[in-house]
Amino acid sequence: MATACPHCDNDRLQQRAAILRAIRDFFVTHAFLEVETPVRIPAPAPEVHIDAEPSGDWFLQTSPELCMKRLLAAGFPKIYQICKCFRARERGGRHLPEMTLLEWYAAGSDYRRMMVQTQALLIHVAEQVGRYPRLSYQGRSINLSPPWHRVTVAQAFEIYTETTVDQALDQGRFDELMGLRIEPRLGWDRPLFLFDYPARCGALARLKSGDPQVVERFELYIGGLELCNAFSELTDTVEQHRRFAHDAGMRQQMGKTVYPWPETFLDVLDHMPEAAGNALGIDRLVMLLTDAKCIDAVVAFTPEGL
């Protein structure tokens, strides 16, 4: 007889369900509309380091981002979605090739207001499941009370490495240093927003006003876990074309699949209002709130168990 993942248990699945209820409660209370968009799409965003799973001549979504932004452009100002996303060759203690993602958008917002809203969401969820104000994760106590820390990417490289952001990018070591030297040390006493990413790392994010060397993007870290990726949305069609063309060229140079052009998204981008969006990994949030070391412990089935 087939069994559930041997790492998961009834208590964690119950807590996962409670976390999902608390998330929906937050967005209903804040007048967001829950939406559903297609999982199978003709053209994903051509991001350099994220690979989509083919599905016939189309692809399984790596994110609902492009469709949700089309809804923003159509006049839906506050939307959220909890959905399955797929990323090829992503498997490890914190990665699943099929993951559950929470994504939401708010017209008239920017990345700083999104930080405030993200903090409010996670505090609400932690309160609902009895993990506030102190969270115990992997033998350490994390204070979830505000204010949460905010550190720029440039500051993090100064604190935790012997190089600068630009040097790391030029040497092709940015992701390596982020993953090995910086991220594991973030958010252990209090949650931490890492913000103002270099412009080369913001495919769909808006350039920062007054400082075009960075984009208005942040990630949230708690207990060394990256929980979300958010930014002020780019609404300049010409600039988005340029970035997509650059990233598609990079994919071609690396021998990766070059996706069809996402014309339907680009055609409506000029109609999209100024907005902020956020993508938060539900599986990792459940890891954090249930003190799970491995992502396998928070899902009913792993790919290997099917």
Foldseek 3Di string as FASTA:
>chain_A
DFAWQPQADPVLQVLLVLLVVLLVVLLVVVPAAEDDDDQWAQFEQLAQPFAFDDDPNTTGAQDCPLVVLVVLLVPRAKYKYWDWHATPPFDDQETARIFIKIKIKHFPDWLVVVVVVVLVSLQSSCVSSVQPQWFAAPNAIEGSDDDAAEEEPQRQCVVFHPDGCVVCVVVVNNVVCCLPTRLQPAARHYKYKYFFAAPLPCLFFDQDVPHNRTGGKIWIHHNSDTFKIKGWGDLDLVVNVVSSVVSLVSCVVVVHDRGPDPVVSSVSSNSRGGMMMMMGTSLVSSCRRVNNSGSSHNDRHGPVSD
